Amino acid sequence: MRSIDHSKFRVVEDIRLSKTETYLDLNTSEKNIIKELEKIRKDLGEWQDKLYAHGKYSVLICLQGMDTSGKDSLIREVFKDFNSRGVVVHSFKSPSTNELRHDYLWRHYVALPERGKFGVFNRTHYENVLVTRVHPEYILNENLPHVNSIKDIDENFWQTRFREIRDFERHISENGTIIFKFFLHLSKEEQKHRLLRRLDKPNKIWKFSPGDLKERKIWSQYQLSYQEAINNTSTEKAPWYIIPADSKPSARYLVAKILLEELTNYEDVKEPPPSPEVKKNMDEYREQLKKE
């Protein structure tokens, strides 16, 4: 398998999505990629056990991408070997009436993972600068005091939101949340093939929505919105990674590899030592159990 330096996928300067690859050739078979993923996810599961025992960090994984980019299946395959208590997935849809009565980040705050756990946001707080950027009329549903019409949603509005998101991520990072943000970068051509497969497969057609075809017509607008959001919010403590997503196995492998290689840099994450009482009386406890 081709050796991959995962740092090349991390956004450290302004990018242009139109110049960014959507396919990663690992120079091996799909079978080998799946085998490598199995090894990595087992190691990730063991690291998560240590994280849970350590209890001082949480991990937030943000997944964004166009429809059919593979977010759901990536979650299923990458976290398959986790203890079910250690990972919680939130899929954010259109905000409810109750959520709209709060600020746009509120529902994401309350869904953050507790210390010792992984949280996966399948679609994230970035919907508030992506979908709403393409459809600014959605902002009117937030009933903001300074927004009375679409004309009030100007460039300053979006720059303020980018700042608020950076502040949100800086705050949770400083309080022990390790943040990863992955954009699954899919080509328009590959999305077409995946939508056609949904229509052709009886067990997948339920996922097809006519709205997907409407959104394809404004593909370029979405790409520009993603590009600007990524460029404005990729920071040292909350980096974006652009993952070529035309191959689902390669995308899953790359995300898992990035997670494992970055997380194992946290050398302080380890199981806590036994309490002084347990350490002192370990032999006695062992004998008690043997005599039962």
C-alpha atoms as a PDB file:
ATOM      1  CA  MET A   1       0.000   0.000   0.000  1.00  0.00           C
ATOM      2  CA  ARG A   2       1.162   3.473  -0.815  1.00  0.00           C
ATOM      3  CA  SER A   3       2.623   5.375   2.136  1.00  0.00           C
ATOM      4  CA  ILE A   4       0.522   8.393   3.115  1.00  0.00           C
ATOM      5  CA  ASP A   5       1.626  11.522   4.939  1.00  0.00           C
ATOM      6  CA  HIS A   6      -1.662  12.569   6.474  1.00  0.00           C
ATOM      7  CA  SER A   7      -0.430  16.100   7.169  1.00  0.00           C
ATOM      8  CA  LYS A   8      -0.842  16.932   3.465  1.00  0.00           C
ATOM      9  CA  PHE A   9      -4.624  16.720   3.934  1.00  0.00           C
ATOM     10  CA  ARG A  10      -4.638  19.204   6.809  1.00  0.00           C
ATOM     11  CA  VAL A  11      -5.628  22.759   5.884  1.00  0.00           C
ATOM     12  CA  VAL A  12      -2.883  25.147   6.995  1.00  0.00           C
ATOM     13  CA  GLU A  13      -3.379  27.823   4.359  1.00  0.00           C
ATOM     14  CA  ASP A  14      -6.180  28.955   2.092  1.00  0.00           C
ATOM     15  CA  ILE A  15      -7.309  26.258  -0.310  1.00  0.00           C
ATOM     16  CA  ARG A  16      -9.307  26.111  -3.523  1.00  0.00           C
ATOM     17  CA  LEU A  17     -11.603  23.118  -3.631  1.00  0.00           C
ATOM     18  CA  SER A  18     -11.678  23.171  -7.419  1.00  0.00           C
ATOM     19  CA  LYS A  19      -7.928  22.432  -7.332  1.00  0.00           C
ATOM     20  CA  THR A  20      -8.167  19.760  -4.632  1.00  0.00           C
ATOM     21  CA  GLU A  21      -8.272  16.052  -5.482  1.00  0.00           C
ATOM     22  CA  THR A  22     -11.437  14.055  -4.802  1.00  0.00           C
ATOM     23  CA  TYR A  23      -9.812  10.640  -5.361  1.00  0.00           C
ATOM     24  CA  LEU A  24      -6.970   9.084  -3.385  1.00  0.00           C
ATOM     25  CA  ASP A  25      -5.116   6.218  -5.079  1.00  0.00           C
ATOM     26  CA  LEU A  26      -3.580   3.988  -2.399  1.00  0.00           C
ATOM     27  CA  ASN A  27      -2.017   1.711  -5.020  1.00  0.00           C
ATOM     28  CA  THR A  28      -3.524  -1.454  -3.578  1.00  0.00           C
ATOM     29  CA  SER A  29      -6.718  -3.479  -3.694  1.00  0.00           C
ATOM     30  CA  GLU A  30      -9.917  -2.582  -1.870  1.00  0.00           C
ATOM     31  CA  LYS A  31      -9.513  -5.805   0.118  1.00  0.00           C
ATOM     32  CA  ASN A  32      -6.133  -4.660   1.455  1.00  0.00           C
ATOM     33  CA  ILE A  33      -7.508  -1.234   2.333  1.00  0.00           C
ATOM     34  CA  ILE A  34     -10.276  -2.867   4.358  1.00  0.00           C
ATOM     35  CA  LYS A  35      -7.731  -5.059   6.176  1.00  0.00           C
ATOM     36  CA  GLU A  36      -5.615  -2.036   7.066  1.00  0.00           C
ATOM     37  CA  LEU A  37      -8.698  -0.215   8.318  1.00  0.00           C
ATOM     38  CA  GLU A  38      -9.551  -3.183  10.537  1.00  0.00           C
ATOM     39  CA  LYS A  39      -6.127  -2.973  12.194  1.00  0.00           C
ATOM     40  CA  ILE A  40      -6.373   0.784  12.738  1.00  0.00           C
ATOM     41  CA  ARG A  41      -9.887   0.738  14.153  1.00  0.00           C
ATOM     42  CA  LYS A  42      -8.886  -1.973  16.630  1.00  0.00           C
ATOM     43  CA  ASP A  43      -6.060   0.291  17.839  1.00  0.00           C
ATOM     44  CA  LEU A  44      -8.495   3.213  17.985  1.00  0.00           C
ATOM     45  CA  GLY A  45     -10.856   1.151  20.106  1.00  0.00           C
ATOM     46  CA  GLU A  46      -8.045   0.336  22.543  1.00  0.00           C
ATOM     47  CA  TRP A  47      -7.036   4.008  22.692  1.00  0.00           C
ATOM     48  CA  GLN A  48     -10.640   4.954  23.416  1.00  0.00           C
ATOM     49  CA  ASP A  49     -10.590   2.583  26.414  1.00  0.00           C
ATOM     50  CA  LYS A  50      -7.599   4.489  27.766  1.00  0.00           C
ATOM     51  CA  LEU A  51      -9.326   7.791  27.089  1.00  0.00           C
ATOM     52  CA  TYR A  52     -12.339   6.607  29.088  1.00  0.00           C
ATOM     53  CA  ALA A  53     -10.183   5.505  32.004  1.00  0.00           C
ATOM     54  CA  HIS A  54      -8.083   8.672  31.895  1.00  0.00           C
ATOM     55  CA  GLY A  55     -11.188  10.836  31.912  1.00  0.00           C
ATOM     56  CA  LYS A  56      -9.630  14.234  31.201  1.00  0.00           C
ATOM     57  CA  TYR A  57     -10.169  14.652  27.458  1.00  0.00           C
ATOM     58  CA  SER A  58     -13.054  14.213  25.075  1.00  0.00           C
ATOM     59  CA  VAL A  59     -12.817  13.896  21.286  1.00  0.00           C
ATOM     60  CA  LEU A  60     -15.132  15.687  18.872  1.00  0.00           C
ATOM     61  CA  ILE A  61     -15.205  14.530  15.265  1.00  0.00           C
ATOM     62  CA  CYS A  62     -17.040  16.755  12.788  1.00  0.00           C
ATOM     63  CA  LEU A  63     -18.077  15.300   9.442  1.00  0.00           C
ATOM     64  CA  GLN A  64     -19.235  17.493   6.591  1.00  0.00           C
ATOM     65  CA  GLY A  65     -19.769  16.777   2.941  1.00  0.00           C
ATOM     66  CA  MET A  66     -22.261  16.939   0.127  1.00  0.00           C
ATOM     67  CA  ASP A  67     -25.093  14.390   0.070  1.00  0.00           C
ATOM     68  CA  THR A  68     -23.827  10.840  -0.692  1.00  0.00           C
ATOM     69  CA  SER A  69     -20.264  11.720   0.378  1.00  0.00           C
ATOM     70  CA  GLY A  70     -20.250   8.689   2.697  1.00  0.00           C
ATOM     71  CA  LYS A  71     -20.628  10.142   6.184  1.00  0.00           C
ATOM     72  CA  ASP A  72     -22.985   7.458   7.524  1.00  0.00           C
ATOM     73  CA  SER A  73     -21.006   4.482   6.263  1.00  0.00           C
ATOM     74  CA  LEU A  74     -17.740   6.057   7.433  1.00  0.00           C
ATOM     75  CA  ILE A  75     -19.111   6.306  10.969  1.00  0.00           C
ATOM     76  CA  ARG A  76     -20.232   2.690  10.846  1.00  0.00           C
ATOM     77  CA  GLU A  77     -16.925   1.336   9.572  1.00  0.00           C
ATOM     78  CA  VAL A  78     -14.399   3.491  11.462  1.00  0.00           C
ATOM     79  CA  PHE A  79     -15.969   3.163  14.927  1.00  0.00           C
ATOM     80  CA  LYS A  80     -17.064  -0.455  14.691  1.00  0.00           C
ATOM     81  CA  ASP A  81     -14.571  -1.647  17.351  1.00  0.00           C
ATOM     82  CA  PHE A  82     -15.377   1.035  19.928  1.00  0.00           C
ATOM     83  CA  ASN A  83     -17.048   0.236  23.213  1.00  0.00           C
ATOM     84  CA  SER A  84     -20.605   1.409  22.593  1.00  0.00           C
ATOM     85  CA  ARG A  85     -20.470   3.467  25.796  1.00  0.00           C
ATOM     86  CA  GLY A  86     -17.506   5.397  24.462  1.00  0.00           C
ATOM     87  CA  VAL A  87     -18.878   7.001  21.306  1.00  0.00           C
ATOM     88  CA  VAL A  88     -22.047   9.016  20.733  1.00  0.00           C
ATOM     89  CA  VAL A  89     -23.224  10.080  17.271  1.00  0.00           C
ATOM     90  CA  HIS A  90     -25.420  13.108  16.652  1.00  0.00           C
ATOM     91  CA  SER A  91     -27.003  13.724  13.254  1.00  0.00           C
ATOM     92  CA  PHE A  92     -28.142  17.322  13.019  1.00  0.00           C
ATOM     93  CA  LYS A  93     -31.161  17.971  10.831  1.00  0.00           C
ATOM     94  CA  SER A  94     -33.095  21.194  10.321  1.00  0.00           C
ATOM     95  CA  PRO A  95     -33.424  22.912  13.721  1.00  0.00           C
ATOM     96  CA  SER A  96     -36.606  22.259  15.658  1.00  0.00           C
ATOM     97  CA  THR A  97     -38.915  24.960  16.990  1.00  0.00           C
ATOM     98  CA  ASN A  98     -37.298  24.630  20.401  1.00  0.00           C
ATOM     99  CA  GLU A  99     -33.785  24.823  18.956  1.00  0.00           C
ATOM    100  CA  LEU A 100     -34.692  27.965  17.026  1.00  0.00           C
ATOM    101  CA  ARG A 101     -35.609  29.606  20.341  1.00  0.00           C
ATOM    102  CA  HIS A 102     -31.917  29.425  21.274  1.00  0.00           C
ATOM    103  CA  ASP A 103     -28.810  30.702  19.547  1.00  0.00           C
ATOM    104  CA  TYR A 104     -27.595  28.581  16.645  1.00  0.00           C
ATOM    105  CA  LEU A 105     -24.742  26.978  18.609  1.00  0.00           C
ATOM    106  CA  TRP A 106     -26.889  25.919  21.581  1.00  0.00           C
ATOM    107  CA  ARG A 107     -27.911  22.509  20.254  1.00  0.00           C
ATOM    108  CA  HIS A 108     -24.278  21.733  19.500  1.00  0.00           C
ATOM    109  CA  TYR A 109     -23.091  22.758  22.958  1.00  0.00           C
ATOM    110  CA  VAL A 110     -25.544  20.409  24.661  1.00  0.00           C
ATOM    111  CA  ALA A 111     -24.470  17.538  22.380  1.00  0.00           C
ATOM    112  CA  LEU A 112     -20.735  17.805  23.107  1.00  0.00           C
ATOM    113  CA  PRO A 113     -19.084  14.585  24.327  1.00  0.00           C
ATOM    114  CA  GLU A 114     -18.338  14.255  28.012  1.00  0.00           C
ATOM    115  CA  ARG A 115     -14.788  13.632  29.175  1.00  0.00           C
ATOM    116  CA  GLY A 116     -13.609  10.153  28.298  1.00  0.00           C
ATOM    117  CA  LYS A 117     -15.834   9.819  25.245  1.00  0.00           C
ATOM    118  CA  PHE A 118     -15.891  10.391  21.510  1.00  0.00           C
ATOM    119  CA  GLY A 119     -18.635  12.488  19.978  1.00  0.00           C
ATOM    120  CA  VAL A 120     -19.333  12.393  16.257  1.00  0.00           C
ATOM    121  CA  PHE A 121     -21.283  15.204  14.636  1.00  0.00           C
ATOM    122  CA  ASN A 122     -22.786  13.937  11.379  1.00  0.00           C
ATOM    123  CA  ARG A 123     -23.357  17.345   9.864  1.00  0.00           C
ATOM    124  CA  THR A 124     -22.342  19.965  12.332  1.00  0.00           C
ATOM    125  CA  HIS A 125     -22.468  23.547  13.529  1.00  0.00           C
ATOM    126  CA  TYR A 126     -21.042  24.396  10.099  1.00  0.00           C
ATOM    127  CA  GLU A 127     -24.484  23.925   8.563  1.00  0.00           C
ATOM    128  CA  ASN A 128     -25.069  27.430   9.939  1.00  0.00           C
ATOM    129  CA  VAL A 129     -22.546  28.876   7.473  1.00  0.00           C
ATOM    130  CA  LEU A 130     -23.058  26.394   4.632  1.00  0.00           C
ATOM    131  CA  VAL A 131     -26.702  25.618   3.913  1.00  0.00           C
ATOM    132  CA  THR A 132     -27.688  29.010   5.254  1.00  0.00           C
ATOM    133  CA  ARG A 133     -25.072  30.681   3.068  1.00  0.00           C
ATOM    134  CA  VAL A 134     -26.641  29.127   0.001  1.00  0.00           C
ATOM    135  CA  HIS A 135     -30.179  29.634   1.350  1.00  0.00           C
ATOM    136  CA  PRO A 136     -29.949  32.816   3.465  1.00  0.00           C
ATOM    137  CA  GLU A 137     -33.716  32.868   3.886  1.00  0.00           C
ATOM    138  CA  TYR A 138     -33.273  30.110   6.491  1.00  0.00           C
ATOM    139  CA  ILE A 139     -31.589  32.666   8.767  1.00  0.00           C
ATOM    140  CA  LEU A 140     -34.893  34.503   9.071  1.00  0.00           C
ATOM    141  CA  ASN A 141     -36.249  31.502  11.017  1.00  0.00           C
ATOM    142  CA  GLU A 142     -33.785  32.310  13.811  1.00  0.00           C
ATOM    143  CA  ASN A 143     -35.729  35.488  14.596  1.00  0.00           C
ATOM    144  CA  LEU A 144     -32.588  37.500  15.259  1.00  0.00           C
ATOM    145  CA  PRO A 145     -33.121  41.066  16.537  1.00  0.00           C
ATOM    146  CA  HIS A 146     -30.804  42.657  13.972  1.00  0.00           C
ATOM    147  CA  VAL A 147     -31.988  40.665  10.938  1.00  0.00           C
ATOM    148  CA  ASN A 148     -35.301  41.780   9.495  1.00  0.00           C
ATOM    149  CA  SER A 149     -34.776  40.748   5.885  1.00  0.00           C
ATOM    150  CA  ILE A 150     -32.281  38.961   3.663  1.00  0.00           C
ATOM    151  CA  LYS A 151     -30.696  42.336   2.935  1.00  0.00           C
ATOM    152  CA  ASP A 152     -29.425  42.387   6.528  1.00  0.00           C
ATOM    153  CA  ILE A 153     -27.462  39.170   5.933  1.00  0.00           C
ATOM    154  CA  ASP A 154     -24.330  40.723   4.490  1.00  0.00           C
ATOM    155  CA  GLU A 155     -20.641  39.775   4.455  1.00  0.00           C
ATOM    156  CA  ASN A 156     -20.178  41.150   7.978  1.00  0.00           C
ATOM    157  CA  PHE A 157     -22.853  38.719   9.173  1.00  0.00           C
ATOM    158  CA  TRP A 158     -20.911  35.721   7.842  1.00  0.00           C
ATOM    159  CA  GLN A 159     -17.569  36.960   9.125  1.00  0.00           C
ATOM    160  CA  THR A 160     -19.147  37.338  12.561  1.00  0.00           C
ATOM    161  CA  ARG A 161     -20.385  33.765  12.413  1.00  0.00           C
ATOM    162  CA  PHE A 162     -16.945  32.494  11.453  1.00  0.00           C
ATOM    163  CA  ARG A 163     -15.502  34.346  14.454  1.00  0.00           C
ATOM    164  CA  GLU A 164     -18.171  32.916  16.754  1.00  0.00           C
ATOM    165  CA  ILE A 165     -17.438  29.396  15.531  1.00  0.00           C
ATOM    166  CA  ARG A 166     -13.700  29.874  16.038  1.00  0.00           C
ATOM    167  CA  ASP A 167     -14.407  31.158  19.561  1.00  0.00           C
ATOM    168  CA  PHE A 168     -16.682  28.174  20.265  1.00  0.00           C
ATOM    169  CA  GLU A 169     -14.032  25.709  19.137  1.00  0.00           C
ATOM    170  CA  ARG A 170     -11.241  27.496  20.985  1.00  0.00           C
ATOM    171  CA  HIS A 171     -13.292  27.444  24.184  1.00  0.00           C
ATOM    172  CA  ILE A 172     -14.049  23.722  24.094  1.00  0.00           C
ATOM    173  CA  SER A 173     -10.473  22.917  23.049  1.00  0.00           C
ATOM    174  CA  GLU A 174      -9.072  24.837  25.997  1.00  0.00           C
ATOM    175  CA  ASN A 175     -11.369  22.803  28.238  1.00  0.00           C
ATOM    176  CA  GLY A 176     -10.175  19.411  27.072  1.00  0.00           C
ATOM    177  CA  THR A 177     -11.980  18.609  23.813  1.00  0.00           C
ATOM    178  CA  ILE A 178      -9.740  17.341  21.007  1.00  0.00           C
ATOM    179  CA  ILE A 179     -11.274  18.479  17.721  1.00  0.00           C
ATOM    180  CA  PHE A 180     -11.086  16.957  14.246  1.00  0.00           C
ATOM    181  CA  LYS A 181     -13.010  18.349  11.285  1.00  0.00           C
ATOM    182  CA  PHE A 182     -13.252  16.293   8.109  1.00  0.00           C
ATOM    183  CA  PHE A 183     -14.655  17.530   4.805  1.00  0.00           C
ATOM    184  CA  LEU A 184     -15.460  14.540   2.597  1.00  0.00           C
ATOM    185  CA  HIS A 185     -14.591  16.015  -0.781  1.00  0.00           C
ATOM    186  CA  LEU A 186     -16.763  14.373  -3.409  1.00  0.00           C
ATOM    187  CA  SER A 187     -16.836  15.069  -7.136  1.00  0.00           C
ATOM    188  CA  LYS A 188     -20.113  15.995  -8.782  1.00  0.00           C
ATOM    189  CA  GLU A 189     -19.723  13.078 -11.185  1.00  0.00           C
ATOM    190  CA  GLU A 190     -19.315  10.560  -8.374  1.00  0.00           C
ATOM    191  CA  GLN A 191     -22.346  11.985  -6.587  1.00  0.00           C
ATOM    192  CA  LYS A 192     -24.383  11.385  -9.740  1.00  0.00           C
ATOM    193  CA  HIS A 193     -23.343   7.711  -9.767  1.00  0.00           C
ATOM    194  CA  ARG A 194     -24.227   7.309  -6.088  1.00  0.00           C
ATOM    195  CA  LEU A 195     -27.631   8.916  -6.529  1.00  0.00           C
ATOM    196  CA  LEU A 196     -28.317   6.578  -9.447  1.00  0.00           C
ATOM    197  CA  ARG A 197     -27.327   3.583  -7.295  1.00  0.00           C
ATOM    198  CA  ARG A 198     -29.788   4.742  -4.645  1.00  0.00           C
ATOM    199  CA  LEU A 199     -32.542   4.716  -7.225  1.00  0.00           C
ATOM    200  CA  ASP A 200     -31.530   1.267  -8.469  1.00  0.00           C
ATOM    201  CA  LYS A 201     -31.261  -0.482  -5.074  1.00  0.00           C
ATOM    202  CA  PRO A 202     -34.500  -1.352  -3.226  1.00  0.00           C
ATOM    203  CA  ASN A 203     -32.755  -1.106   0.150  1.00  0.00           C
ATOM    204  CA  LYS A 204     -31.272   2.316  -0.645  1.00  0.00           C
ATOM    205  CA  ILE A 205     -34.048   4.134  -2.489  1.00  0.00           C
ATOM    206  CA  TRP A 206     -35.510   5.389   0.796  1.00  0.00           C
ATOM    207  CA  LYS A 207     -32.445   7.651   1.084  1.00  0.00           C
ATOM    208  CA  PHE A 208     -33.137   9.358  -2.231  1.00  0.00           C
ATOM    209  CA  SER A 209     -34.730  12.787  -2.113  1.00  0.00           C
ATOM    210  CA  PRO A 210     -35.809  14.939  -5.078  1.00  0.00           C
ATOM    211  CA  GLY A 211     -34.232  17.784  -3.129  1.00  0.00           C
ATOM    212  CA  ASP A 212     -30.829  16.257  -3.886  1.00  0.00           C
ATOM    213  CA  LEU A 213     -31.345  17.071  -7.570  1.00  0.00           C
ATOM    214  CA  LYS A 214     -32.295  20.665  -6.768  1.00  0.00           C
ATOM    215  CA  GLU A 215     -29.152  21.101  -4.683  1.00  0.00           C
ATOM    216  CA  ARG A 216     -26.987  19.659  -7.485  1.00  0.00           C
ATOM    217  CA  LYS A 217     -28.030  22.612  -9.634  1.00  0.00           C
ATOM    218  CA  ILE A 218     -26.247  24.947  -7.213  1.00  0.00           C
ATOM    219  CA  TRP A 219     -23.238  22.681  -6.664  1.00  0.00           C
ATOM    220  CA  SER A 220     -20.762  25.497  -7.334  1.00  0.00           C
ATOM    221  CA  GLN A 221     -22.398  27.696  -4.706  1.00  0.00           C
ATOM    222  CA  TYR A 222     -22.010  24.959  -2.123  1.00  0.00           C
ATOM    223  CA  GLN A 223     -18.384  24.429  -3.081  1.00  0.00           C
ATOM    224  CA  LEU A 224     -17.633  28.114  -2.615  1.00  0.00           C
ATOM    225  CA  SER A 225     -19.448  28.135   0.735  1.00  0.00           C
ATOM    226  CA  TYR A 226     -17.425  25.138   1.933  1.00  0.00           C
ATOM    227  CA  GLN A 227     -14.231  26.699   0.682  1.00  0.00           C
ATOM    228  CA  GLU A 228     -14.815  29.959   2.525  1.00  0.00           C
ATOM    229  CA  ALA A 229     -15.924  28.221   5.727  1.00  0.00           C
ATOM    230  CA  ILE A 230     -12.857  25.968   5.714  1.00  0.00           C
ATOM    231  CA  ASN A 231     -10.458  28.807   4.976  1.00  0.00           C
ATOM    232  CA  ASN A 232     -11.913  30.928   7.781  1.00  0.00           C
ATOM    233  CA  THR A 233     -12.053  28.272  10.483  1.00  0.00           C
ATOM    234  CA  SER A 234      -9.141  25.855  10.128  1.00  0.00           C
ATOM    235  CA  THR A 235      -7.001  26.527  13.191  1.00  0.00           C
ATOM    236  CA  GLU A 236      -4.207  24.774  15.048  1.00  0.00           C
ATOM    237  CA  LYS A 237      -6.547  23.391  17.722  1.00  0.00           C
ATOM    238  CA  ALA A 238      -9.498  22.766  15.397  1.00  0.00           C
ATOM    239  CA  PRO A 239      -8.032  21.840  12.017  1.00  0.00           C
ATOM    240  CA  TRP A 240      -9.901  20.914   8.879  1.00  0.00           C
ATOM    241  CA  TYR A 241      -8.811  17.889   6.873  1.00  0.00           C
ATOM    242  CA  ILE A 242      -9.941  17.597   3.253  1.00  0.00           C
ATOM    243  CA  ILE A 243     -10.556  13.920   2.572  1.00  0.00           C
ATOM    244  CA  PRO A 244     -10.794  12.699  -1.038  1.00  0.00           C
ATOM    245  CA  ALA A 245     -14.148  10.890  -0.958  1.00  0.00           C
ATOM    246  CA  ASP A 246     -14.728   9.429  -4.402  1.00  0.00           C
ATOM    247  CA  SER A 247     -13.520   6.103  -2.973  1.00  0.00           C
ATOM    248  CA  LYS A 248     -15.328   5.234   0.249  1.00  0.00           C
ATOM    249  CA  PRO A 249     -12.785   2.620   1.457  1.00  0.00           C
ATOM    250  CA  SER A 250      -9.883   5.036   0.931  1.00  0.00           C
ATOM    251  CA  ALA A 251     -11.736   7.860   2.704  1.00  0.00           C
ATOM    252  CA  ARG A 252     -12.519   5.659   5.715  1.00  0.00           C
ATOM    253  CA  TYR A 253      -8.936   4.449   5.919  1.00  0.00           C
ATOM    254  CA  LEU A 254      -7.543   7.978   5.732  1.00  0.00           C
ATOM    255  CA  VAL A 255      -9.863   9.341   8.435  1.00  0.00           C
ATOM    256  CA  ALA A 256      -9.030   6.429  10.749  1.00  0.00           C
ATOM    257  CA  LYS A 257      -5.297   6.826  10.091  1.00  0.00           C
ATOM    258  CA  ILE A 258      -5.408  10.557  10.872  1.00  0.00           C
ATOM    259  CA  LEU A 259      -7.323   9.952  14.091  1.00  0.00           C
ATOM    260  CA  LEU A 260      -4.954   7.251  15.341  1.00  0.00           C
ATOM    261  CA  GLU A 261      -1.722   9.045  14.449  1.00  0.00           C
ATOM    262  CA  GLU A 262      -2.867  12.335  15.966  1.00  0.00           C
ATOM    263  CA  LEU A 263      -4.437  10.889  19.107  1.00  0.00           C
ATOM    264  CA  THR A 264      -1.459   8.727  20.001  1.00  0.00           C
ATOM    265  CA  ASN A 265       0.539  11.951  20.312  1.00  0.00           C
ATOM    266  CA  TYR A 266      -1.356  12.550  23.559  1.00  0.00           C
ATOM    267  CA  GLU A 267       1.101  10.572  25.641  1.00  0.00           C
ATOM    268  CA  ASP A 268      -0.548  11.606  28.917  1.00  0.00           C
ATOM    269  CA  VAL A 269      -3.635   9.573  28.043  1.00  0.00           C
ATOM    270  CA  LYS A 270      -3.182   6.338  29.965  1.00  0.00           C
ATOM    271  CA  GLU A 271      -4.987   4.235  32.517  1.00  0.00           C
ATOM    272  CA  PRO A 272      -4.730   5.753  36.021  1.00  0.00           C
ATOM    273  CA  PRO A 273      -2.681   3.803  38.587  1.00  0.00           C
ATOM    274  CA  PRO A 274      -4.508   1.860  41.319  1.00  0.00           C
ATOM    275  CA  SER A 275      -5.404   3.714  44.470  1.00  0.00           C
ATOM    276  CA  PRO A 276      -2.889   3.471  47.341  1.00  0.00           C
ATOM    277  CA  GLU A 277      -5.298   1.192  49.205  1.00  0.00           C
ATOM    278  CA  VAL A 278      -5.660  -1.225  46.286  1.00  0.00           C
ATOM    279  CA  LYS A 279      -1.933  -1.192  45.601  1.00  0.00           C
ATOM    280  CA  LYS A 280      -1.114  -1.913  49.243  1.00  0.00           C
ATOM    281  CA  ASN A 281      -3.605  -4.737  49.653  1.00  0.00           C
ATOM    282  CA  MET A 282      -3.494  -6.295  46.187  1.00  0.00           C
ATOM    283  CA  ASP A 283      -2.153  -9.633  47.377  1.00  0.00           C
ATOM    284  CA  GLU A 284      -4.776  -9.806  50.102  1.00  0.00           C
ATOM    285  CA  TYR A 285      -7.583  -9.134  47.655  1.00  0.00           C
ATOM    286  CA  ARG A 286      -6.221 -11.775  45.305  1.00  0.00           C
ATOM    287  CA  GLU A 287      -6.144 -14.355  48.087  1.00  0.00           C
ATOM    288  CA  GLN A 288      -9.694 -13.513  49.165  1.00  0.00           C
ATOM    289  CA  LEU A 289     -10.935 -14.141  45.675  1.00  0.00           C
ATOM    290  CA  LYS A 290      -9.025 -17.415  45.300  1.00  0.00           C
ATOM    291  CA  LYS A 291     -10.514 -18.756  48.557  1.00  0.00           C
ATOM    292  CA  GLU A 292     -14.115 -18.193  47.438  1.00  0.00           C
END
